[in-house]
Amino acid sequence: MTTQTDFSNFRFVRDFLQRVLPNSQVVSLAIILLVGSLLIYCLAGLLMPVFAAVILAYLLEGLVAKVEHRQVPRLVGVYLVFFAFLAGLGFVLFILIPIVSDQMVQLVQRIPEIITSAQTEVMHFPEKYPELISEARIRDIMFSVQQDLLQYGQTLISSSAQSFAGLLAAIIYLFLVPLMVFFFLKDKKILLSWFLQFLPADRSLTVKVWQEVDLQIANYIRGKFLEIFILWAASFLTFSLLDLNYAMLLAVLMGLSVVIPYVGATLVTFPVLGVAYVQWGVNHGDEFLYVVITYSVIQAIDGVVLVPLLFSEAVNLHPIAIIVAILFFGGLWGFWGVFFAIPLATLVKAVLTAWPRTGNIVSV
């Protein structure tokens, strides 16, 4: 027999289909989201240079628009912004990366010395707390940690950049991506007109969702790049003044730590304070204390000043939503999934907010 609950379930499905399917705008939005997600997921490996160029052009478009607002022709603005982009790329490739790589090699080579120094300190634990841990157990743990760190460091140094495939991919990226960025900026209207012909004609709801998230996503991503730069510059200047070893490497880690909210700031604490401890120790002068204080001040300024100032127009998301987005999109697309987790979560939130709940067609 068919129960009352079964009738209720059928009625719920019927009402849902009647509310959604007749609304062509909802169907158009769903098709665009589904096809776009499938294309990105399936073709990410093949067309990653194209996706990277589209993202960079999208970010640089804001700068081009600001130049245009100063009564500068768009083509001139495109050239100015593009050459500034090339200058920044050249700095990263030919100055920043070699310094960071050199300091990383030095740090990896000093891992045995660092482990020995740490082992000397840790070996005092059995003397103070013999009932908790034995000296033999300490030696086993330290030996295991040393082997793991050495293996990880050697793997990091001899990564894919050393292989022919990695070198070939890097050359392709360095040539194709800037070239595509330039043409995406220069021929924006032509390319958009060509692309829009493949979208459904009735896309008012899609336009409404895009208008809601465009400014927020753009502000977030540009703000995130600016936050990375400020944190890197402030950290490098501070660590250099304090004469901390591997200042550039640690400053880069400080800048990249903001890519992963909450987690990044915690993880970067260990290398910064670890290097300072090995270099000076706790009881051998005030340098270690200065590093702790300045590091804490930088993190506090980032959380209290920079984040509210740079992301005041971003949509507020609950910390649980941010963590879930990082895990989900990071699992799909790795580093870039983590970097764009919050913008993508903002897009999902905007879609859910704009999604019609009464069957009325949205008018724009």
Protein backbone atom coordinates (compact mmCIF):
# COMPACT_ATOMS: atom_id res chain seq x y z
CA MET A 1 0.00 0.00 0.00
CA THR A 2 1.03 3.55 -0.63
CA THR A 3 1.38 5.40 2.63
CA GLN A 4 0.75 9.05 3.37
CA THR A 5 4.52 9.57 3.60
CA ASP A 6 4.94 8.25 0.05
CA PHE A 7 2.35 10.73 -1.22
CA SER A 8 4.15 13.53 0.62
CA ASN A 9 7.47 12.57 -1.00
CA PHE A 10 5.90 12.48 -4.46
CA ARG A 11 4.27 15.83 -3.84
CA PHE A 12 7.60 17.31 -2.74
CA VAL A 13 9.34 16.06 -5.92
CA ARG A 14 6.46 17.29 -8.10
CA ASP A 15 6.49 20.73 -6.49
CA PHE A 16 10.26 20.97 -6.87
CA LEU A 17 10.13 20.08 -10.58
CA GLN A 18 7.29 22.49 -11.21
CA ARG A 19 9.18 25.26 -9.43
CA VAL A 20 12.51 24.73 -11.19
CA LEU A 21 12.04 23.18 -14.61
CA PRO A 22 9.67 25.77 -16.07
CA ASN A 23 12.14 28.48 -15.09
CA SER A 24 14.45 28.66 -18.10
CA GLN A 25 16.82 30.99 -16.27
CA VAL A 26 17.43 28.40 -13.56
CA VAL A 27 18.00 25.70 -16.16
CA SER A 28 20.46 27.97 -18.00
CA LEU A 29 22.37 28.71 -14.79
CA ALA A 30 22.49 25.01 -13.88
CA ILE A 31 23.75 24.06 -17.35
CA ILE A 32 26.44 26.76 -17.32
CA LEU A 33 27.67 25.73 -13.86
CA LEU A 34 27.63 22.02 -14.70
CA VAL A 35 29.35 22.32 -18.08
CA GLY A 36 31.88 24.85 -16.77
CA SER A 37 32.78 22.64 -13.79
CA LEU A 38 33.13 19.54 -15.97
CA LEU A 39 35.32 21.35 -18.49
CA ILE A 40 37.61 22.73 -15.80
CA TYR A 41 37.83 19.39 -14.00
CA CYS A 42 38.39 17.27 -17.11
CA LEU A 43 40.64 19.62 -19.07
CA ALA A 44 42.66 21.15 -16.22
CA GLY A 45 45.68 19.00 -17.03
CA LEU A 46 45.62 19.78 -20.75
CA LEU A 47 44.61 23.43 -20.71
CA MET A 48 46.17 24.61 -17.46
CA PRO A 49 48.21 27.33 -19.26
CA VAL A 50 44.97 28.68 -20.73
CA PHE A 51 43.20 28.66 -17.36
CA ALA A 52 46.21 30.34 -15.73
CA ALA A 53 46.25 33.02 -18.44
CA VAL A 54 42.51 33.64 -18.05
CA ILE A 55 42.87 34.06 -14.28
CA LEU A 56 45.85 36.42 -14.63
CA ALA A 57 44.07 38.48 -17.30
CA TYR A 58 41.00 38.67 -15.07
CA LEU A 59 43.15 39.99 -12.22
CA LEU A 60 45.01 42.48 -14.41
CA GLU A 61 41.77 43.74 -15.98
CA GLY A 62 41.07 45.72 -12.80
CA LEU A 63 44.34 47.61 -13.22
CA VAL A 64 43.60 48.25 -16.88
CA ALA A 65 40.17 49.62 -15.94
CA LYS A 66 41.76 51.98 -13.41
CA VAL A 67 44.17 53.25 -16.07
CA GLU A 68 41.24 53.76 -18.46
CA HIS A 69 39.43 55.84 -15.82
CA ARG A 70 42.31 58.31 -16.06
CA GLN A 71 41.37 59.03 -19.68
CA VAL A 72 44.11 56.76 -21.05
CA PRO A 73 43.26 54.72 -24.18
CA ARG A 74 42.65 51.07 -23.40
CA LEU A 75 45.43 49.81 -25.66
CA VAL A 76 47.95 52.06 -23.92
CA GLY A 77 46.65 50.89 -20.54
CA VAL A 78 46.99 47.26 -21.62
CA TYR A 79 50.63 47.82 -22.63
CA LEU A 80 51.44 49.61 -19.36
CA VAL A 81 49.84 46.94 -17.17
CA PHE A 82 51.29 44.09 -19.22
CA PHE A 83 54.85 45.44 -19.04
CA ALA A 84 54.44 45.95 -15.28
CA PHE A 85 53.27 42.33 -15.08
CA LEU A 86 56.35 41.19 -17.04
CA ALA A 87 58.61 43.19 -14.71
CA GLY A 88 57.07 41.52 -11.67
CA LEU A 89 57.34 38.11 -13.31
CA GLY A 90 61.00 38.76 -14.14
CA PHE A 91 61.70 39.72 -10.52
CA VAL A 92 60.11 36.49 -9.28
CA LEU A 93 61.89 34.27 -11.81
CA PHE A 94 65.36 35.78 -11.88
CA ILE A 95 65.78 37.27 -8.40
CA LEU A 96 63.34 35.81 -5.88
CA ILE A 97 63.33 32.14 -6.92
CA PRO A 98 67.15 31.79 -7.16
CA ILE A 99 67.60 33.31 -3.69
CA VAL A 100 64.88 31.12 -2.16
CA SER A 101 66.26 28.00 -3.88
CA ASP A 102 69.78 28.72 -2.65
CA GLN A 103 68.61 29.25 0.92
CA MET A 104 66.48 26.11 0.75
CA VAL A 105 69.52 24.07 -0.33
CA GLN A 106 71.56 25.55 2.51
CA LEU A 107 68.80 24.73 5.00
CA VAL A 108 68.51 21.14 3.78
CA GLN A 109 72.28 20.68 4.00
CA ARG A 110 72.17 21.86 7.62
CA ILE A 111 69.42 19.45 8.64
CA PRO A 112 71.84 16.97 10.28
CA GLU A 113 73.39 19.81 12.29
CA ILE A 114 69.96 21.10 13.29
CA ILE A 115 68.84 17.62 14.33
CA THR A 116 72.01 17.13 16.38
CA SER A 117 71.49 20.45 18.15
CA ALA A 118 67.87 19.63 18.86
CA GLN A 119 68.84 16.15 20.04
CA THR A 120 71.28 17.64 22.54
CA GLU A 121 68.50 19.71 24.05
CA VAL A 122 65.94 16.91 23.98
CA MET A 123 68.34 14.44 25.63
CA HIS A 124 67.96 16.43 28.86
CA PHE A 125 64.32 15.34 29.09
CA PRO A 126 65.05 11.78 30.39
CA GLU A 127 67.20 13.30 33.12
CA LYS A 128 64.41 15.63 34.23
CA TYR A 129 61.44 13.32 33.58
CA PRO A 130 62.71 9.70 33.66
CA GLU A 131 59.24 8.37 34.41
CA LEU A 132 57.83 9.79 31.15
CA ILE A 133 60.41 8.87 28.50
CA SER A 134 63.71 6.99 28.27
CA GLU A 135 66.95 8.00 26.60
CA ALA A 136 66.77 5.08 24.15
CA ARG A 137 63.29 6.15 23.07
CA ILE A 138 64.51 9.71 22.48
CA ARG A 139 67.34 8.42 20.28
CA ASP A 140 64.95 6.31 18.21
CA ILE A 141 62.58 9.24 17.69
CA MET A 142 65.35 11.66 16.71
CA PHE A 143 66.88 9.16 14.28
CA SER A 144 63.51 8.60 12.62
CA VAL A 145 62.89 12.37 12.36
CA GLN A 146 66.36 12.94 10.88
CA GLN A 147 65.87 10.28 8.20
CA ASP A 148 62.44 11.63 7.26
CA LEU A 149 63.64 15.24 7.04
CA LEU A 150 66.68 14.31 4.95
CA GLN A 151 64.57 12.30 2.54
CA TYR A 152 61.98 15.04 2.26
CA GLY A 153 64.62 17.73 1.75
CA GLN A 154 66.41 15.76 -0.96
CA THR A 155 63.11 15.10 -2.71
CA LEU A 156 62.25 18.79 -2.53
CA ILE A 157 65.54 19.85 -4.07
CA SER A 158 65.50 17.28 -6.86
CA SER A 159 61.84 17.91 -7.75
CA SER A 160 60.20 17.93 -11.14
CA ALA A 161 62.05 21.11 -12.15
CA GLN A 162 65.13 18.92 -12.62
CA SER A 163 63.38 16.58 -15.03
CA PHE A 164 63.02 17.17 -18.75
CA ALA A 165 59.24 17.11 -18.55
CA GLY A 166 59.19 19.68 -15.76
CA LEU A 167 61.67 21.92 -17.62
CA LEU A 168 59.65 21.66 -20.82
CA ALA A 169 56.42 22.51 -19.00
CA ALA A 170 58.10 25.52 -17.37
CA ILE A 171 59.30 26.80 -20.74
CA ILE A 172 55.83 26.41 -22.22
CA TYR A 173 54.29 28.26 -19.29
CA LEU A 174 56.82 31.08 -19.44
CA PHE A 175 56.22 31.63 -23.13
CA LEU A 176 52.54 30.85 -23.66
CA VAL A 177 50.95 32.23 -20.49
CA PRO A 178 52.23 35.85 -20.79
CA LEU A 179 51.43 35.80 -24.51
CA MET A 180 47.85 34.68 -23.87
CA VAL A 181 47.47 37.17 -21.04
CA PHE A 182 48.34 39.98 -23.42
CA PHE A 183 45.82 38.91 -26.06
CA PHE A 184 43.12 38.26 -23.45
CA LEU A 185 43.53 41.86 -22.28
CA LYS A 186 43.95 43.40 -25.73
CA ASP A 187 41.06 41.56 -27.44
CA LYS A 188 38.74 41.27 -24.44
CA LYS A 189 35.58 42.43 -26.25
CA ILE A 190 36.17 40.23 -29.29
CA LEU A 191 36.81 37.12 -27.19
CA LEU A 192 33.82 37.77 -24.91
CA SER A 193 31.52 38.22 -27.91
CA TRP A 194 32.75 34.93 -29.37
CA PHE A 195 32.33 33.12 -26.05
CA LEU A 196 28.85 34.47 -25.27
CA GLN A 197 27.40 33.01 -28.45
CA PHE A 198 27.78 29.54 -26.93
CA LEU A 199 25.78 30.42 -23.80
CA PRO A 200 22.01 30.07 -23.52
CA ALA A 201 20.08 33.13 -24.69
CA ASP A 202 18.01 33.33 -21.52
CA ARG A 203 20.72 33.84 -18.91
CA SER A 204 19.36 36.70 -16.80
CA LEU A 205 19.80 34.76 -13.56
CA THR A 206 23.37 33.86 -14.55
CA VAL A 207 24.13 37.53 -15.21
CA LYS A 208 22.63 38.48 -11.84
CA VAL A 209 24.75 35.90 -10.00
CA TRP A 210 27.89 36.97 -11.86
CA GLN A 211 27.30 40.64 -11.10
CA GLU A 212 26.99 39.80 -7.41
CA VAL A 213 30.18 37.77 -7.18
CA ASP A 214 32.39 39.51 -9.76
CA LEU A 215 33.37 42.47 -7.61
CA GLN A 216 33.72 40.37 -4.47
CA ILE A 217 35.88 37.68 -6.09
CA ALA A 218 38.05 40.23 -7.88
CA ASN A 219 38.55 42.24 -4.69
CA TYR A 220 39.36 39.09 -2.74
CA ILE A 221 41.96 37.74 -5.18
CA ARG A 222 43.64 41.11 -5.74
CA GLY A 223 43.56 41.73 -1.99
CA LYS A 224 45.11 38.33 -1.37
CA PHE A 225 48.00 39.04 -3.76
CA LEU A 226 48.53 42.41 -2.07
CA GLU A 227 48.44 40.78 1.37
CA ILE A 228 51.04 38.22 0.25
CA PHE A 229 53.31 40.99 -1.05
CA ILE A 230 52.98 43.16 2.08
CA LEU A 231 53.56 40.25 4.45
CA TRP A 232 56.56 39.05 2.42
CA ALA A 233 58.14 42.53 2.26
CA ALA A 234 57.55 43.28 5.96
CA SER A 235 58.86 39.87 7.03
CA PHE A 236 61.96 40.07 4.82
CA LEU A 237 62.82 43.55 6.08
CA THR A 238 62.30 42.51 9.70
CA PHE A 239 64.22 39.24 9.47
CA SER A 240 67.09 40.94 7.61
CA LEU A 241 67.37 43.65 10.27
CA LEU A 242 67.44 40.95 12.95
CA ASP A 243 70.10 39.05 10.92
CA LEU A 244 67.98 35.90 10.95
CA ASN A 245 69.27 33.09 8.74
CA TYR A 246 67.31 32.24 5.57
CA ALA A 247 65.46 35.57 5.78
CA MET A 248 64.19 35.45 2.18
CA LEU A 249 63.01 31.84 2.41
CA LEU A 250 61.16 32.47 5.68
CA ALA A 251 59.67 35.70 4.32
CA VAL A 252 58.31 33.84 1.28
CA LEU A 253 56.79 31.23 3.59
CA MET A 254 55.24 34.04 5.62
CA GLY A 255 53.68 35.52 2.50
CA LEU A 256 52.38 32.21 1.19
CA SER A 257 50.96 31.29 4.60
CA VAL A 258 47.98 33.60 4.02
CA VAL A 259 46.86 31.40 1.11
CA ILE A 260 45.46 28.90 3.63
CA PRO A 261 43.39 30.80 6.22
CA TYR A 262 43.92 29.83 9.88
CA VAL A 263 46.17 26.86 9.05
CA GLY A 264 48.95 28.70 7.19
CA ALA A 265 49.76 31.11 10.00
CA THR A 266 50.08 28.18 12.40
CA LEU A 267 52.30 26.09 10.14
CA VAL A 268 54.75 28.90 9.32
CA THR A 269 55.37 29.47 13.03
CA PHE A 270 57.46 26.29 13.28
CA PRO A 271 60.12 27.09 10.65
CA VAL A 272 60.46 30.73 11.73
CA LEU A 273 60.88 30.02 15.43
CA GLY A 274 62.81 26.81 14.71
CA VAL A 275 65.46 28.62 12.68
CA ALA A 276 65.70 31.35 15.32
CA TYR A 277 66.06 28.76 18.08
CA VAL A 278 68.83 26.86 16.28
CA GLN A 279 70.64 30.10 15.45
CA TRP A 280 70.54 31.69 18.93
CA GLY A 281 68.77 29.43 21.41
CA VAL A 282 66.47 30.62 24.15
CA ASN A 283 69.04 31.46 26.78
CA HIS A 284 71.84 32.88 24.62
CA GLY A 285 70.89 36.51 24.15
CA ASP A 286 67.78 38.50 23.32
CA GLU A 287 67.75 37.80 19.57
CA PHE A 288 65.38 34.85 19.84
CA LEU A 289 62.99 36.93 21.95
CA TYR A 290 63.12 39.73 19.38
CA VAL A 291 62.17 37.30 16.61
CA VAL A 292 59.24 35.98 18.66
CA ILE A 293 57.99 39.52 19.38
CA THR A 294 58.35 40.83 15.82
CA TYR A 295 56.81 37.68 14.34
CA SER A 296 53.83 38.02 16.69
CA VAL A 297 53.45 41.72 15.81
CA ILE A 298 53.48 40.97 12.06
CA GLN A 299 50.83 38.28 12.46
CA ALA A 300 48.72 40.57 14.64
CA ILE A 301 48.92 43.44 12.14
CA ASP A 302 47.95 41.06 9.35
CA GLY A 303 44.90 39.81 11.24
CA VAL A 304 43.76 43.08 12.81
CA VAL A 305 44.68 45.65 10.14
CA LEU A 306 45.41 44.12 6.73
CA VAL A 307 42.60 41.56 6.53
CA PRO A 308 39.78 43.99 7.49
CA LEU A 309 41.26 46.70 5.26
CA LEU A 310 41.81 44.56 2.16
CA PHE A 311 38.75 42.33 2.41
CA SER A 312 36.12 44.70 3.79
CA GLU A 313 33.98 44.17 0.66
CA ALA A 314 34.33 40.39 0.61
CA VAL A 315 31.44 38.17 1.61
CA ASN A 316 31.76 36.91 5.15
CA LEU A 317 31.92 33.14 5.36
CA HIS A 318 31.72 31.01 8.46
CA PRO A 319 35.08 29.41 9.43
CA ILE A 320 33.55 25.95 8.98
CA ALA A 321 32.52 26.89 5.43
CA ILE A 322 36.06 28.12 4.71
CA ILE A 323 37.66 24.91 6.02
CA VAL A 324 35.23 22.72 4.07
CA ALA A 325 35.90 24.76 0.91
CA ILE A 326 39.68 24.41 1.37
CA LEU A 327 39.41 20.64 1.83
CA PHE A 328 37.00 20.15 -1.07
CA PHE A 329 38.55 22.40 -3.73
CA GLY A 330 42.08 21.61 -2.57
CA GLY A 331 41.33 17.92 -3.07
CA LEU A 332 40.10 18.66 -6.60
CA TRP A 333 42.74 21.10 -7.87
CA GLY A 334 45.62 21.05 -5.37
CA PHE A 335 47.36 24.34 -4.62
CA TRP A 336 45.16 26.42 -6.91
CA GLY A 337 42.08 24.83 -5.41
CA VAL A 338 43.27 25.94 -1.98
CA PHE A 339 44.10 29.44 -3.24
CA PHE A 340 40.70 29.93 -4.90
CA ALA A 341 38.73 28.05 -2.22
CA ILE A 342 37.20 31.20 -0.70
CA PRO A 343 36.26 32.80 -4.07
CA LEU A 344 34.69 29.52 -5.16
CA ALA A 345 32.86 29.25 -1.85
CA THR A 346 31.66 32.82 -2.38
CA LEU A 347 30.36 31.80 -5.81
CA VAL A 348 28.51 28.82 -4.34
CA LYS A 349 26.99 31.05 -1.66
CA ALA A 350 25.89 33.61 -4.26
CA VAL A 351 24.27 30.89 -6.38
CA LEU A 352 22.40 29.48 -3.38
CA THR A 353 21.28 32.98 -2.37
CA ALA A 354 20.09 33.95 -5.86
CA TRP A 355 18.47 30.57 -6.58
CA PRO A 356 14.70 31.14 -6.83
CA ARG A 357 12.61 29.52 -4.12
CA THR A 358 9.15 30.46 -5.33
CA GLY A 359 9.27 29.72 -9.03
CA ASN A 360 9.28 33.40 -10.01
CA ILE A 361 11.61 34.25 -12.85
CA VAL A 362 14.27 36.71 -11.90
CA SER A 363 14.20 39.96 -13.82
CA VAL A 364 17.38 41.97 -14.35
